[in-house]
Amino acid sequence: GRFTISRDNAKKMVYLRMNSLKLEDTAVYYCHAFRGEEYWG
C-alpha cells in the first residue's frame, strides 16, 4: 500500500516508488535480477 514496483522492458528499467516513508524504511536498497543466475546492483 506504500511501495510500488514497476518495470519498463523497452528501457530496461525497474522502479520502486516509495510513499509514506517511515523511519524503519531507512536502508541501502539493492536492485536484483534473477533467472537461474542472479545479478545485483
Full PDB file with SEQRES, HELIX, SHEET, SSBOND, CRYST1, ORIGX, SCALE, CONECT and MASTER records, all heavy atoms in Angstrom:
SEQRES   1 A   41  GLY ARG PHE THR ILE SER ARG ASP ASN ALA LYS LYS MET          
SEQRES   2 A   41  VAL TYR LEU ARG MET ASN SER LEU LYS LEU GLU ASP THR          
SEQRES   3 A   41  ALA VAL TYR TYR CYS HIS ALA PHE ARG GLY GLU GLU TYR          
SEQRES   4 A   41  TRP GLY                                                      
HELIX    1 AA1 LEU A   23  ASP A   25  5                                   3    
SHEET    1 AA1 2 PHE A   3  ASP A   8  0                                        
SHEET    2 AA1 2 MET A  13  MET A  18 -1                                        
SHEET    1 AA2 2 HIS A  32  PHE A  34  0                                        
SHEET    2 AA2 2 GLU A  38  TRP A  40 -1                                        
CRYST1    1.000    1.000    1.000  90.00  90.00  90.00 P 1           1          
ORIGX1      1.000000  0.000000  0.000000        0.00000                         
ORIGX2      0.000000  1.000000  0.000000        0.00000                         
ORIGX3      0.000000  0.000000  1.000000        0.00000                         
SCALE1      1.000000  0.000000  0.000000        0.00000                         
SCALE2      0.000000  1.000000  0.000000        0.00000                         
SCALE3      0.000000  0.000000  1.000000        0.00000                         
ATOM      1  N   GLY A   1       0.795  -1.219   0.000  1.00  0.00           N  
ATOM      2  CA  GLY A   1       0.000   0.000   0.000  1.00  0.00           C  
ATOM      3  C   GLY A   1       0.828   1.270   0.000  1.00  0.00           C  
ATOM      4  O   GLY A   1       0.282   2.361  -0.205  1.00  0.00           O  
ATOM      5  N   ARG A   2       2.135   1.139   0.219  1.00  0.00           N  
ATOM      6  CA  ARG A   2       3.014   2.323   0.237  1.00  0.00           C  
ATOM      7  C   ARG A   2       4.015   2.304  -0.906  1.00  0.00           C  
ATOM      8  O   ARG A   2       4.353   3.364  -1.439  1.00  0.00           O  
ATOM      9  CB  ARG A   2       3.771   2.404   1.562  1.00  0.00           C  
ATOM     10  CG  ARG A   2       2.889   2.509   2.795  1.00  0.00           C  
ATOM     11  CD  ARG A   2       3.716   2.813   4.042  1.00  0.00           C  
ATOM     12  NE  ARG A   2       4.669   1.765   4.377  1.00  0.00           N  
ATOM     13  CZ  ARG A   2       5.983   1.953   4.474  1.00  0.00           C  
ATOM     14  NH1 ARG A   2       6.503   3.151   4.253  1.00  0.00           N  
ATOM     15  NH2 ARG A   2       6.785   0.946   4.804  1.00  0.00           N  
ATOM     16  N   PHE A   3       4.512   1.121  -1.254  1.00  0.00           N  
ATOM     17  CA  PHE A   3       5.531   0.982  -2.301  1.00  0.00           C  
ATOM     18  C   PHE A   3       4.907   0.360  -3.541  1.00  0.00           C  
ATOM     19  O   PHE A   3       4.012  -0.485  -3.452  1.00  0.00           O  
ATOM     20  CB  PHE A   3       6.669   0.077  -1.827  1.00  0.00           C  
ATOM     21  CG  PHE A   3       7.563   0.651  -0.762  1.00  0.00           C  
ATOM     22  CD1 PHE A   3       7.231   1.804  -0.067  1.00  0.00           C  
ATOM     23  CD2 PHE A   3       8.764   0.027  -0.462  1.00  0.00           C  
ATOM     24  CE1 PHE A   3       8.060   2.319   0.906  1.00  0.00           C  
ATOM     25  CE2 PHE A   3       9.610   0.533   0.508  1.00  0.00           C  
ATOM     26  CZ  PHE A   3       9.249   1.681   1.204  1.00  0.00           C  
ATOM     27  N   THR A   4       5.432   0.755  -4.694  1.00  0.00           N  
ATOM     28  CA  THR A   4       5.002   0.179  -5.968  1.00  0.00           C  
ATOM     29  C   THR A   4       6.215  -0.120  -6.833  1.00  0.00           C  
ATOM     30  O   THR A   4       7.015   0.779  -7.103  1.00  0.00           O  
ATOM     31  CB  THR A   4       4.067   1.125  -6.731  1.00  0.00           C  
ATOM     32  OG1 THR A   4       2.935   1.449  -5.914  1.00  0.00           O  
ATOM     33  CG2 THR A   4       3.580   0.478  -8.021  1.00  0.00           C  
ATOM     34  N   ILE A   5       6.336  -1.368  -7.238  1.00  0.00           N  
ATOM     35  CA  ILE A   5       7.404  -1.753  -8.154  1.00  0.00           C  
ATOM     36  C   ILE A   5       6.847  -1.783  -9.569  1.00  0.00           C  
ATOM     37  O   ILE A   5       5.699  -2.181  -9.789  1.00  0.00           O  
ATOM     38  CB  ILE A   5       8.008  -3.128  -7.763  1.00  0.00           C  
ATOM     39  CG1 ILE A   5       9.251  -3.426  -8.604  1.00  0.00           C  
ATOM     40  CG2 ILE A   5       6.977  -4.245  -7.874  1.00  0.00           C  
ATOM     41  CD1 ILE A   5      10.029  -4.661  -8.129  1.00  0.00           C  
ATOM     42  N   SER A   6       7.649  -1.342 -10.516  1.00  0.00           N  
ATOM     43  CA  SER A   6       7.225  -1.369 -11.916  1.00  0.00           C  
ATOM     44  C   SER A   6       8.441  -1.583 -12.805  1.00  0.00           C  
ATOM     45  O   SER A   6       9.577  -1.405 -12.367  1.00  0.00           O  
ATOM     46  CB  SER A   6       6.505  -0.068 -12.298  1.00  0.00           C  
ATOM     47  OG  SER A   6       7.357   1.045 -12.146  1.00  0.00           O  
ATOM     48  N   ARG A   7       8.170  -1.976 -14.030  1.00  0.00           N  
ATOM     49  CA  ARG A   7       9.262  -2.228 -14.970  1.00  0.00           C  
ATOM     50  C   ARG A   7       8.917  -1.664 -16.338  1.00  0.00           C  
ATOM     51  O   ARG A   7       7.745  -1.610 -16.713  1.00  0.00           O  
ATOM     52  CB  ARG A   7       9.560  -3.725 -15.073  1.00  0.00           C  
ATOM     53  CG  ARG A   7       8.429  -4.570 -15.624  1.00  0.00           C  
ATOM     54  CD  ARG A   7       8.720  -6.071 -15.466  1.00  0.00           C  
ATOM     55  NE  ARG A   7       9.877  -6.495 -16.222  1.00  0.00           N  
ATOM     56  CZ  ARG A   7      10.534  -7.629 -16.001  1.00  0.00           C  
ATOM     57  NH1 ARG A   7      10.142  -8.448 -15.027  1.00  0.00           N  
ATOM     58  NH2 ARG A   7      11.584  -7.959 -16.743  1.00  0.00           N  
ATOM     59  N   ASP A   8       9.957  -1.270 -17.052  1.00  0.00           N  
ATOM     60  CA  ASP A   8       9.817  -0.808 -18.426  1.00  0.00           C  
ATOM     61  C   ASP A   8      10.792  -1.627 -19.250  1.00  0.00           C  
ATOM     62  O   ASP A   8      12.000  -1.350 -19.265  1.00  0.00           O  
ATOM     63  CB  ASP A   8      10.131   0.685 -18.521  1.00  0.00           C  
ATOM     64  CG  ASP A   8       9.886   1.257 -19.914  1.00  0.00           C  
ATOM     65  OD1 ASP A   8      10.026   0.505 -20.905  1.00  0.00           O  
ATOM     66  OD2 ASP A   8       9.573   2.443 -20.013  1.00  0.00           O  
ATOM     67  N   ASN A   9      10.282  -2.648 -19.909  1.00  0.00           N  
ATOM     68  CA  ASN A   9      11.169  -3.558 -20.634  1.00  0.00           C  
ATOM     69  C   ASN A   9      11.868  -2.875 -21.805  1.00  0.00           C  
ATOM     70  O   ASN A   9      13.002  -3.208 -22.138  1.00  0.00           O  
ATOM     71  CB  ASN A   9      10.385  -4.765 -21.124  1.00  0.00           C  
ATOM     72  CG  ASN A   9       9.976  -5.689 -19.986  1.00  0.00           C  
ATOM     73  OD1 ASN A   9      10.584  -5.688 -18.911  1.00  0.00           O  
ATOM     74  ND2 ASN A   9       8.923  -6.460 -20.209  1.00  0.00           N  
ATOM     75  N   ALA A  10      11.197  -1.932 -22.435  1.00  0.00           N  
ATOM     76  CA  ALA A  10      11.803  -1.247 -23.572  1.00  0.00           C  
ATOM     77  C   ALA A  10      13.022  -0.436 -23.146  1.00  0.00           C  
ATOM     78  O   ALA A  10      14.016  -0.360 -23.879  1.00  0.00           O  
ATOM     79  CB  ALA A  10      10.783  -0.345 -24.242  1.00  0.00           C  
ATOM     80  N   LYS A  11      12.953   0.143 -21.961  1.00  0.00           N  
ATOM     81  CA  LYS A  11      14.056   0.959 -21.455  1.00  0.00           C  
ATOM     82  C   LYS A  11      15.008   0.168 -20.574  1.00  0.00           C  
ATOM     83  O   LYS A  11      16.025   0.698 -20.130  1.00  0.00           O  
ATOM     84  CB  LYS A  11      13.515   2.158 -20.671  1.00  0.00           C  
ATOM     85  CG  LYS A  11      12.722   3.134 -21.503  1.00  0.00           C  
ATOM     86  CD  LYS A  11      12.249   4.305 -20.658  1.00  0.00           C  
ATOM     87  CE  LYS A  11      11.482   5.313 -21.501  1.00  0.00           C  
ATOM     88  NZ  LYS A  11      11.003   6.465 -20.671  1.00  0.00           N  
ATOM     89  N   LYS A  12      14.658  -1.087 -20.287  1.00  0.00           N  
ATOM     90  CA  LYS A  12      15.448  -1.915 -19.379  1.00  0.00           C  
ATOM     91  C   LYS A  12      15.607  -1.237 -18.026  1.00  0.00           C  
ATOM     92  O   LYS A  12      16.710  -1.107 -17.486  1.00  0.00           O  
ATOM     93  CB  LYS A  12      16.807  -2.270 -19.987  1.00  0.00           C  
ATOM     94  CG  LYS A  12      16.717  -3.144 -21.223  1.00  0.00           C  
ATOM     95  CD  LYS A  12      18.074  -3.644 -21.667  1.00  0.00           C  
ATOM     96  CE  LYS A  12      17.963  -4.604 -22.838  1.00  0.00           C  
ATOM     97  NZ  LYS A  12      19.278  -5.148 -23.252  1.00  0.00           N  
ATOM     98  N   MET A  13      14.475  -0.799 -17.485  1.00  0.00           N  
ATOM     99  CA  MET A  13      14.460  -0.108 -16.208  1.00  0.00           C  
ATOM    100  C   MET A  13      13.469  -0.777 -15.253  1.00  0.00           C  
ATOM    101  O   MET A  13      12.413  -1.258 -15.674  1.00  0.00           O  
ATOM    102  CB  MET A  13      14.032   1.352 -16.390  1.00  0.00           C  
ATOM    103  CG  MET A  13      14.951   2.191 -17.246  1.00  0.00           C  
ATOM    104  SD  MET A  13      16.491   2.615 -16.419  1.00  0.00           S  
ATOM    105  CE  MET A  13      15.885   3.669 -15.091  1.00  0.00           C  
ATOM    106  N   VAL A  14      13.806  -0.753 -13.994  1.00  0.00           N  
ATOM    107  CA  VAL A  14      12.878  -1.157 -12.945  1.00  0.00           C  
ATOM    108  C   VAL A  14      12.862  -0.046 -11.907  1.00  0.00           C  
ATOM    109  O   VAL A  14      13.891   0.571 -11.626  1.00  0.00           O  
ATOM    110  CB  VAL A  14      13.243  -2.527 -12.337  1.00  0.00           C  
ATOM    111  CG1 VAL A  14      14.628  -2.540 -11.747  1.00  0.00           C  
ATOM    112  CG2 VAL A  14      12.203  -2.968 -11.322  1.00  0.00           C  
ATOM    113  N   TYR A  15      11.664   0.204 -11.362  1.00  0.00           N  
ATOM    114  CA  TYR A  15      11.455   1.327 -10.459  1.00  0.00           C  
ATOM    115  C   TYR A  15      10.846   0.841  -9.154  1.00  0.00           C  
ATOM    116  O   TYR A  15      10.157  -0.179  -9.095  1.00  0.00           O  
ATOM    117  CB  TYR A  15      10.513   2.344 -11.090  1.00  0.00           C  
ATOM    118  CG  TYR A  15      10.940   2.819 -12.459  1.00  0.00           C  
ATOM    119  CD1 TYR A  15      10.401   2.245 -13.611  1.00  0.00           C  
ATOM    120  CD2 TYR A  15      11.877   3.836 -12.593  1.00  0.00           C  
ATOM    121  CE1 TYR A  15      10.793   2.674 -14.865  1.00  0.00           C  
ATOM    122  CE2 TYR A  15      12.266   4.272 -13.852  1.00  0.00           C  
ATOM    123  CZ  TYR A  15      11.725   3.692 -14.985  1.00  0.00           C  
ATOM    124  OH  TYR A  15      12.111   4.117 -16.230  1.00  0.00           O  
ATOM    125  N   LEU A  16      11.076   1.634  -8.109  1.00  0.00           N  
ATOM    126  CA  LEU A  16      10.390   1.413  -6.840  1.00  0.00           C  
ATOM    127  C   LEU A  16       9.911   2.775  -6.357  1.00  0.00           C  
ATOM    128  O   LEU A  16      10.716   3.612  -5.948  1.00  0.00           O  
ATOM    129  CB  LEU A  16      11.301   0.765  -5.804  1.00  0.00           C  
ATOM    130  CG  LEU A  16      10.610   0.386  -4.501  1.00  0.00           C  
ATOM    131  CD1 LEU A  16       9.609  -0.751  -4.735  1.00  0.00           C  
ATOM    132  CD2 LEU A  16      11.625  -0.027  -3.432  1.00  0.00           C  
ATOM    133  N   ARG A  17       8.613   2.981  -6.446  1.00  0.00           N  
ATOM    134  CA  ARG A  17       8.012   4.198  -5.921  1.00  0.00           C  
ATOM    135  C   ARG A  17       7.686   3.957  -4.459  1.00  0.00           C  
ATOM    136  O   ARG A  17       6.968   3.019  -4.123  1.00  0.00           O  
ATOM    137  CB  ARG A  17       6.741   4.540  -6.689  1.00  0.00           C  
ATOM    138  CG  ARG A  17       5.972   5.741  -6.136  1.00  0.00           C  
ATOM    139  CD  ARG A  17       6.743   7.025  -6.238  1.00  0.00           C  
ATOM    140  NE  ARG A  17       5.962   8.170  -5.759  1.00  0.00           N  
ATOM    141  CZ  ARG A  17       6.437   9.417  -5.696  1.00  0.00           C  
ATOM    142  NH1 ARG A  17       7.679   9.678  -6.082  1.00  0.00           N  
ATOM    143  NH2 ARG A  17       5.655  10.386  -5.251  1.00  0.00           N  
ATOM    144  N   MET A  18       8.200   4.820  -3.592  1.00  0.00           N  
ATOM    145  CA  MET A  18       8.033   4.671  -2.150  1.00  0.00           C  
ATOM    146  C   MET A  18       7.305   5.891  -1.602  1.00  0.00           C  
ATOM    147  O   MET A  18       7.832   7.007  -1.676  1.00  0.00           O  
ATOM    148  CB  MET A  18       9.395   4.510  -1.473  1.00  0.00           C  
ATOM    149  CG  MET A  18      10.222   3.375  -2.053  1.00  0.00           C  
ATOM    150  SD  MET A  18      11.771   3.115  -1.168  1.00  0.00           S  
ATOM    151  CE  MET A  18      12.641   4.637  -1.586  1.00  0.00           C  
ATOM    152  N   ASN A  19       6.114   5.674  -1.096  1.00  0.00           N  
ATOM    153  CA  ASN A  19       5.318   6.735  -0.492  1.00  0.00           C  
ATOM    154  C   ASN A  19       5.188   6.510   1.007  1.00  0.00           C  
ATOM    155  O   ASN A  19       5.417   5.405   1.505  1.00  0.00           O  
ATOM    156  CB  ASN A  19       3.915   6.765  -1.114  1.00  0.00           C  
ATOM    157  CG  ASN A  19       3.933   7.142  -2.580  1.00  0.00           C  
ATOM    158  OD1 ASN A  19       4.753   7.932  -3.043  1.00  0.00           O  
ATOM    159  ND2 ASN A  19       3.000   6.559  -3.338  1.00  0.00           N  
ATOM    160  N   SER A  20       4.782   7.554   1.705  1.00  0.00           N  
ATOM    161  CA  SER A  20       4.551   7.464   3.154  1.00  0.00           C  
ATOM    162  C   SER A  20       5.721   6.804   3.861  1.00  0.00           C  
ATOM    163  O   SER A  20       5.543   5.882   4.678  1.00  0.00           O  
ATOM    164  CB  SER A  20       3.259   6.687   3.429  1.00  0.00           C  
ATOM    165  OG  SER A  20       2.165   7.296   2.786  1.00  0.00           O  
ATOM    166  N   LEU A  21       6.907   7.271   3.564  1.00  0.00           N  
ATOM    167  CA  LEU A  21       8.108   6.632   4.105  1.00  0.00           C  
ATOM    168  C   LEU A  21       8.168   6.762   5.616  1.00  0.00           C  
ATOM    169  O   LEU A  21       7.753   7.775   6.204  1.00  0.00           O  
ATOM    170  CB  LEU A  21       9.348   7.239   3.455  1.00  0.00           C  
ATOM    171  CG  LEU A  21       9.622   6.706   2.043  1.00  0.00           C  
ATOM    172  CD1 LEU A  21      10.535   7.641   1.281  1.00  0.00           C  
ATOM    173  CD2 LEU A  21      10.220   5.314   2.108  1.00  0.00           C  
ATOM    174  N   LYS A  22       8.686   5.710   6.235  1.00  0.00           N  
ATOM    175  CA  LYS A  22       8.811   5.632   7.683  1.00  0.00           C  
ATOM    176  C   LYS A  22      10.287   5.536   8.071  1.00  0.00           C  
ATOM    177  O   LYS A  22      11.135   5.155   7.259  1.00  0.00           O  
ATOM    178  CB  LYS A  22       8.055   4.402   8.195  1.00  0.00           C  
ATOM    179  CG  LYS A  22       6.588   4.366   7.819  1.00  0.00           C  
ATOM    180  CD  LYS A  22       5.944   3.079   8.312  1.00  0.00           C  
ATOM    181  CE  LYS A  22       4.468   3.022   7.945  1.00  0.00           C  
ATOM    182  NZ  LYS A  22       3.819   1.777   8.423  1.00  0.00           N  
ATOM    183  N   LEU A  23      10.556   5.833   9.336  1.00  0.00           N  
ATOM    184  CA  LEU A  23      11.934   5.746   9.816  1.00  0.00           C  
ATOM    185  C   LEU A  23      12.525   4.362   9.550  1.00  0.00           C  
ATOM    186  O   LEU A  23      13.701   4.236   9.185  1.00  0.00           O  
ATOM    187  CB  LEU A  23      11.981   6.055  11.309  1.00  0.00           C  
ATOM    188  CG  LEU A  23      11.549   7.454  11.735  1.00  0.00           C  
ATOM    189  CD1 LEU A  23      11.564   7.564  13.258  1.00  0.00           C  
ATOM    190  CD2 LEU A  23      12.438   8.510  11.119  1.00  0.00           C  
ATOM    191  N   GLU A  24      11.684   3.338   9.708  1.00  0.00           N  
ATOM    192  CA  GLU A  24      12.169   1.965   9.553  1.00  0.00           C  
ATOM    193  C   GLU A  24      12.410   1.553   8.104  1.00  0.00           C  
ATOM    194  O   GLU A  24      12.882   0.450   7.840  1.00  0.00           O  
ATOM    195  CB  GLU A  24      11.202   0.979  10.215  1.00  0.00           C  
ATOM    196  CG  GLU A  24       9.770   1.101   9.760  1.00  0.00           C  
ATOM    197  CD  GLU A  24       8.935   1.965  10.711  1.00  0.00           C  
ATOM    198  OE1 GLU A  24       9.465   2.987  11.200  1.00  0.00           O  
ATOM    199  OE2 GLU A  24       7.762   1.628  10.938  1.00  0.00           O  
ATOM    200  N   ASP A  25      12.117   2.443   7.167  1.00  0.00           N  
ATOM    201  CA  ASP A  25      12.446   2.172   5.760  1.00  0.00           C  
ATOM    202  C   ASP A  25      13.898   2.540   5.439  1.00  0.00           C  
ATOM    203  O   ASP A  25      14.370   2.267   4.333  1.00  0.00           O  
ATOM    204  CB  ASP A  25      11.522   2.950   4.828  1.00  0.00           C  
ATOM    205  CG  ASP A  25      10.078   2.505   4.912  1.00  0.00           C  
ATOM    206  OD1 ASP A  25       9.839   1.276   4.980  1.00  0.00           O  
ATOM    207  OD2 ASP A  25       9.187   3.369   4.921  1.00  0.00           O  
ATOM    208  N   THR A  26      14.576   3.147   6.390  1.00  0.00           N  
ATOM    209  CA  THR A  26      15.974   3.518   6.189  1.00  0.00           C  
ATOM    210  C   THR A  26      16.820   2.269   5.948  1.00  0.00           C  
ATOM    211  O   THR A  26      16.798   1.330   6.740  1.00  0.00           O  
ATOM    212  CB  THR A  26      16.517   4.275   7.406  1.00  0.00           C  
ATOM    213  OG1 THR A  26      15.821   5.520   7.526  1.00  0.00           O  
ATOM    214  CG2 THR A  26      18.005   4.537   7.274  1.00  0.00           C  
ATOM    215  N   ALA A  27      17.554   2.263   4.840  1.00  0.00           N  
ATOM    216  CA  ALA A  27      18.358   1.100   4.463  1.00  0.00           C  
ATOM    217  C   ALA A  27      19.092   1.405   3.165  1.00  0.00           C  
ATOM    218  O   ALA A  27      18.811   2.413   2.505  1.00  0.00           O  
ATOM    219  CB  ALA A  27      17.470  -0.126   4.261  1.00  0.00           C  
ATOM    220  N   VAL A  28      19.993   0.521   2.821  1.00  0.00           N  
ATOM    221  CA  VAL A  28      20.551   0.517   1.469  1.00  0.00           C  
ATOM    222  C   VAL A  28      19.655  -0.369   0.623  1.00  0.00           C  
ATOM    223  O   VAL A  28      19.357  -1.512   1.004  1.00  0.00           O  
ATOM    224  CB  VAL A  28      21.997  -0.001   1.449  1.00  0.00           C  
ATOM    225  CG1 VAL A  28      22.521  -0.040   0.017  1.00  0.00           C  
ATOM    226  CG2 VAL A  28      22.893   0.869   2.323  1.00  0.00           C  
ATOM    227  N   TYR A  29      19.209   0.155  -0.500  1.00  0.00           N  
ATOM    228  CA  TYR A  29      18.304  -0.566  -1.388  1.00  0.00           C  
ATOM    229  C   TYR A  29      19.071  -1.079  -2.597  1.00  0.00           C  
ATOM    230  O   TYR A  29      19.831  -0.332  -3.227  1.00  0.00           O  
ATOM    231  CB  TYR A  29      17.162   0.345  -1.818  1.00  0.00           C  
ATOM    232  CG  TYR A  29      16.135   0.552  -0.729  1.00  0.00           C  
ATOM    233  CD1 TYR A  29      16.421   1.305   0.401  1.00  0.00           C  
ATOM    234  CD2 TYR A  29      14.871  -0.045  -0.815  1.00  0.00           C  
ATOM    235  CE1 TYR A  29      15.491   1.480   1.411  1.00  0.00           C  
ATOM    236  CE2 TYR A  29      13.921   0.121   0.185  1.00  0.00           C  
ATOM    237  CZ  TYR A  29      14.240   0.884   1.293  1.00  0.00           C  
ATOM    238  OH  TYR A  29      13.309   1.038   2.292  1.00  0.00           O  
ATOM    239  N   TYR A  30      18.845  -2.357  -2.907  1.00  0.00           N  
ATOM    240  CA  TYR A  30      19.558  -3.019  -3.991  1.00  0.00           C  
ATOM    241  C   TYR A  30      18.593  -3.513  -5.058  1.00  0.00           C  
ATOM    242  O   TYR A  30      17.558  -4.105  -4.755  1.00  0.00           O  
ATOM    243  CB  TYR A  30      20.324  -4.231  -3.459  1.00  0.00           C  
ATOM    244  CG  TYR A  30      21.392  -3.904  -2.453  1.00  0.00           C  
ATOM    245  CD1 TYR A  30      21.108  -3.871  -1.094  1.00  0.00           C  
ATOM    246  CD2 TYR A  30      22.696  -3.645  -2.866  1.00  0.00           C  
ATOM    247  CE1 TYR A  30      22.097  -3.571  -0.173  1.00  0.00           C  
ATOM    248  CE2 TYR A  30      23.698  -3.354  -1.946  1.00  0.00           C  
ATOM    249  CZ  TYR A  30      23.381  -3.324  -0.606  1.00  0.00           C  
ATOM    250  OH  TYR A  30      24.361  -3.040   0.307  1.00  0.00           O  
ATOM    251  N   CYS A  31      18.970  -3.315  -6.276  1.00  0.00           N  
ATOM    252  CA  CYS A  31      18.250  -3.856  -7.417  1.00  0.00           C  
ATOM    253  C   CYS A  31      18.747  -5.274  -7.677  1.00  0.00           C  
ATOM    254  O   CYS A  31      19.953  -5.560  -7.517  1.00  0.00           O  
ATOM    255  CB  CYS A  31      18.530  -2.956  -8.622  1.00  0.00           C  
ATOM    256  SG  CYS A  31      17.763  -3.463 -10.158  1.00  0.00           S  
ATOM    257  N   HIS A  32      17.856  -6.158  -8.070  1.00  0.00           N  
ATOM    258  CA  HIS A  32      18.191  -7.574  -8.243  1.00  0.00           C  
ATOM    259  C   HIS A  32      17.502  -8.112  -9.472  1.00  0.00           C  
ATOM    260  O   HIS A  32      16.322  -7.823  -9.706  1.00  0.00           O  
ATOM    261  CB  HIS A  32      17.731  -8.341  -6.994  1.00  0.00           C  
ATOM    262  CG  HIS A  32      18.020  -9.790  -7.007  1.00  0.00           C  
ATOM    263  ND1 HIS A  32      17.018 -10.741  -7.080  1.00  0.00           N  
ATOM    264  CD2 HIS A  32      19.188 -10.471  -6.924  1.00  0.00           C  
ATOM    265  CE1 HIS A  32      17.557 -11.949  -7.045  1.00  0.00           C  
ATOM    266  NE2 HIS A  32      18.868 -11.802  -6.945  1.00  0.00           N  
ATOM    267  N   ALA A  33      18.224  -8.890 -10.264  1.00  0.00           N  
ATOM    268  CA  ALA A  33      17.658  -9.553 -11.434  1.00  0.00           C  
ATOM    269  C   ALA A  33      17.939 -11.047 -11.320  1.00  0.00           C  
ATOM    270  O   ALA A  33      19.041 -11.439 -10.936  1.00  0.00           O  
ATOM    271  CB  ALA A  33      18.262  -9.002 -12.714  1.00  0.00           C  
ATOM    272  N   PHE A  34      16.933 -11.869 -11.635  1.00  0.00           N  
ATOM    273  CA  PHE A  34      17.120 -13.312 -11.448  1.00  0.00           C  
ATOM    274  C   PHE A  34      16.410 -14.109 -12.515  1.00  0.00           C  
ATOM    275  O   PHE A  34      15.292 -13.793 -12.937  1.00  0.00           O  
ATOM    276  CB  PHE A  34      16.644 -13.734 -10.055  1.00  0.00           C  
ATOM    277  CG  PHE A  34      15.230 -13.329  -9.726  1.00  0.00           C  
ATOM    278  CD1 PHE A  34      14.172 -14.192  -9.941  1.00  0.00           C  
ATOM    279  CD2 PHE A  34      14.956 -12.075  -9.206  1.00  0.00           C  
ATOM    280  CE1 PHE A  34      12.867 -13.813  -9.632  1.00  0.00           C  
ATOM    281  CE2 PHE A  34      13.678 -11.675  -8.900  1.00  0.00           C  
ATOM    282  CZ  PHE A  34      12.622 -12.546  -9.114  1.00  0.00           C  
ATOM    283  N   ARG A  35      17.123 -15.120 -12.977  1.00  0.00           N  
ATOM    284  CA  ARG A  35      16.555 -16.129 -13.861  1.00  0.00           C  
ATOM    285  C   ARG A  35      17.552 -17.282 -13.850  1.00  0.00           C  
ATOM    286  O   ARG A  35      18.372 -17.429 -14.748  1.00  0.00           O  
ATOM    287  CB  ARG A  35      16.354 -15.596 -15.282  1.00  0.00           C  
ATOM    288  CG  ARG A  35      15.741 -16.624 -16.212  1.00  0.00           C  
ATOM    289  CD  ARG A  35      15.518 -16.064 -17.601  1.00  0.00           C  
ATOM    290  NE  ARG A  35      15.167 -17.095 -18.552  1.00  0.00           N  
ATOM    291  CZ  ARG A  35      13.939 -17.566 -18.721  1.00  0.00           C  
ATOM    292  NH1 ARG A  35      12.946 -17.093 -18.011  1.00  0.00           N  
ATOM    293  NH2 ARG A  35      13.692 -18.512 -19.612  1.00  0.00           N  
ATOM    294  N   GLY A  36      17.478 -18.073 -12.769  1.00  0.00           N  
ATOM    295  CA  GLY A  36      18.544 -19.048 -12.563  1.00  0.00           C  
ATOM    296  C   GLY A  36      19.731 -18.313 -11.969  1.00  0.00           C  
ATOM    297  O   GLY A  36      19.911 -18.265 -10.755  1.00  0.00           O  
ATOM    298  N   GLU A  37      20.520 -17.685 -12.818  1.00  0.00           N  
ATOM    299  CA  GLU A  37      21.584 -16.831 -12.291  1.00  0.00           C  
ATOM    300  C   GLU A  37      20.972 -15.544 -11.741  1.00  0.00           C  
ATOM    301  O   GLU A  37      19.835 -15.202 -12.056  1.00  0.00           O  
ATOM    302  CB  GLU A  37      22.601 -16.512 -13.390  1.00  0.00           C  
ATOM    303  CG  GLU A  37      22.119 -15.567 -14.474  1.00  0.00           C  
ATOM    304  CD  GLU A  37      21.341 -16.224 -15.590  1.00  0.00           C  
ATOM    305  OE1 GLU A  37      20.892 -17.393 -15.418  1.00  0.00           O  
ATOM    306  OE2 GLU A  37      21.157 -15.573 -16.628  1.00  0.00           O  
ATOM    307  N   GLU A  38      21.746 -14.849 -10.928  1.00  0.00           N  
ATOM    308  CA  GLU A  38      21.234 -13.616 -10.360  1.00  0.00           C  
ATOM    309  C   GLU A  38      22.307 -12.532 -10.410  1.00  0.00           C  
ATOM    310  O   GLU A  38      23.499 -12.829 -10.403  1.00  0.00           O  
ATOM    311  CB  GLU A  38      20.754 -13.827  -8.925  1.00  0.00           C  
ATOM    312  CG  GLU A  38      21.794 -14.309  -7.956  1.00  0.00           C  
ATOM    313  CD  GLU A  38      21.251 -14.432  -6.539  1.00  0.00           C  
ATOM    314  OE1 GLU A  38      20.074 -14.081  -6.296  1.00  0.00           O  
ATOM    315  OE2 GLU A  38      22.008 -14.858  -5.660  1.00  0.00           O  
ATOM    316  N   TYR A  39      21.835 -11.305 -10.447  1.00  0.00           N  
ATOM    317  CA  TYR A  39      22.721 -10.140 -10.520  1.00  0.00           C  
ATOM    318  C   TYR A  39      22.235  -9.074  -9.550  1.00  0.00           C  
ATOM    319  O   TYR A  39      21.028  -8.948  -9.300  1.00  0.00           O  
ATOM    320  CB  TYR A  39      22.732  -9.579 -11.955  1.00  0.00           C  
ATOM    321  CG  TYR A  39      23.149 -10.599 -12.982  1.00  0.00           C  
ATOM    322  CD1 TYR A  39      22.206 -11.262 -13.755  1.00  0.00           C  
ATOM    323  CD2 TYR A  39      24.497 -10.907 -13.163  1.00  0.00           C  
ATOM    324  CE1 TYR A  39      22.591 -12.218 -14.693  1.00  0.00           C  
ATOM    325  CE2 TYR A  39      24.878 -11.861 -14.101  1.00  0.00           C  
ATOM    326  CZ  TYR A  39      23.930 -12.507 -14.855  1.00  0.00           C  
ATOM    327  OH  TYR A  39      24.312 -13.453 -15.776  1.00  0.00           O  
ATOM    328  N   TRP A  40      23.207  -8.300  -9.043  1.00  0.00           N  
ATOM    329  CA  TRP A  40      22.908  -7.273  -8.049  1.00  0.00           C  
ATOM    330  C   TRP A  40      23.471  -5.934  -8.495  1.00  0.00           C  
ATOM    331  O   TRP A  40      24.530  -5.867  -9.130  1.00  0.00           O  
ATOM    332  CB  TRP A  40      23.563  -7.636  -6.714  1.00  0.00           C  
ATOM    333  CG  TRP A  40      23.005  -8.849  -6.061  1.00  0.00           C  
ATOM    334  CD1 TRP A  40      23.427 -10.135  -6.203  1.00  0.00           C  
ATOM    335  CD2 TRP A  40      21.910  -8.894  -5.144  1.00  0.00           C  
ATOM    336  NE1 TRP A  40      22.663 -10.974  -5.433  1.00  0.00           N  
ATOM    337  CE2 TRP A  40      21.725 -10.241  -4.764  1.00  0.00           C  
ATOM    338  CE3 TRP A  40      21.063  -7.923  -4.592  1.00  0.00           C  
ATOM    339  CZ2 TRP A  40      20.722 -10.645  -3.879  1.00  0.00           C  
ATOM    340  CZ3 TRP A  40      20.083  -8.327  -3.701  1.00  0.00           C  
ATOM    341  CH2 TRP A  40      19.925  -9.675  -3.357  1.00  0.00           C  
ATOM    342  N   GLY A  41      22.770  -4.870  -8.104  1.00  0.00           N  
ATOM    343  CA  GLY A  41      23.319  -3.541  -8.225  1.00  0.00           C  
ATOM    344  C   GLY A  41      24.204  -3.231  -7.030  1.00  0.00           C  
ATOM    345  O   GLY A  41      24.351  -4.036  -6.107  1.00  0.00           O  
TER     346      GLY A  41                                                      
MASTER        0    0    0    1    4    0    0    6  345    1    0    4          
END                                                                             
